[in-house]
Amino acid sequence: MLQPTIPHDAAEWKRSITNFACHNPKVNGWAIDNVMTVVTKQFADMTSPEVMVYFNKRG
């Protein structure tokens, strides 16, 4: 399991993690980015209000 303390190295990510043929990948953290939550109108209409409050707080 990847530990949250592992820093992200963009150059190493490109060199090894995205290269299937790389034979010596190094441990690398995930890149940090914005994450958005999207739900369909059908899901929003059928789920409980508490679920939508939760999703609306997530962004």
Protein backbone atom coordinates (compact mmCIF):
# COMPACT_ATOMS: atom_id res chain seq x y z
CA MET A 1 0.00 0.00 0.00
CA LEU A 2 1.30 3.43 -0.92
CA GLN A 3 2.03 5.47 2.18
CA PRO A 4 0.66 9.06 2.21
CA THR A 5 4.12 10.34 3.13
CA ILE A 6 5.63 9.32 -0.23
CA PRO A 7 6.24 12.50 -2.26
CA HIS A 8 5.30 12.81 -5.92
CA ASP A 9 8.18 13.14 -8.38
CA ALA A 10 6.80 14.19 -11.79
CA ALA A 11 9.97 13.30 -13.69
CA GLU A 12 10.13 9.82 -12.14
CA TRP A 13 6.41 9.34 -12.76
CA LYS A 14 6.90 10.04 -16.46
CA ARG A 15 10.11 7.96 -16.67
CA SER A 16 8.82 4.84 -15.00
CA ILE A 17 5.22 4.73 -13.79
CA THR A 18 3.69 5.65 -17.17
CA ASN A 19 6.16 3.43 -19.04
CA PHE A 20 4.96 -0.19 -19.09
CA ALA A 21 8.39 -1.34 -20.33
CA CYS A 22 10.24 0.21 -17.35
CA HIS A 23 12.03 -2.54 -15.45
CA ASN A 24 13.06 -0.50 -12.42
CA PRO A 25 10.19 1.77 -11.34
CA LYS A 26 10.68 3.71 -8.11
CA VAL A 27 8.08 4.28 -5.43
CA ASN A 28 6.25 7.48 -6.24
CA GLY A 29 3.31 9.31 -4.72
CA TRP A 30 0.18 10.16 -6.64
CA ALA A 31 0.04 13.54 -8.33
CA ILE A 32 -2.19 15.99 -6.48
CA ASP A 33 -5.07 17.42 -8.46
CA ASN A 34 -8.61 18.67 -8.05
CA VAL A 35 -11.26 15.98 -7.80
CA MET A 36 -14.87 16.70 -8.61
CA THR A 37 -17.88 14.57 -7.72
CA VAL A 38 -20.55 14.20 -10.40
CA VAL A 39 -23.92 12.54 -9.98
CA THR A 40 -26.73 12.04 -12.44
CA LYS A 41 -30.12 13.71 -11.96
CA GLN A 42 -31.64 10.23 -11.62
CA PHE A 43 -29.27 9.39 -8.75
CA ALA A 44 -29.84 12.77 -7.07
CA ASP A 45 -33.62 12.33 -7.31
CA MET A 46 -33.65 8.79 -5.88
CA THR A 47 -31.08 9.08 -3.09
CA SER A 48 -31.61 10.47 0.39
CA PRO A 49 -31.11 14.19 1.06
CA GLU A 50 -28.27 13.33 3.46
CA VAL A 51 -26.31 11.71 0.64
CA MET A 52 -26.63 14.81 -1.52
CA VAL A 53 -25.55 17.04 1.39
CA TYR A 54 -22.45 14.86 1.68
CA PHE A 55 -21.69 15.05 -2.05
CA ASN A 56 -22.34 18.80 -2.16
CA LYS A 57 -19.76 19.34 0.60
CA ARG A 58 -17.13 17.36 -1.34
CA GLY A 59 -17.20 19.65 -4.38
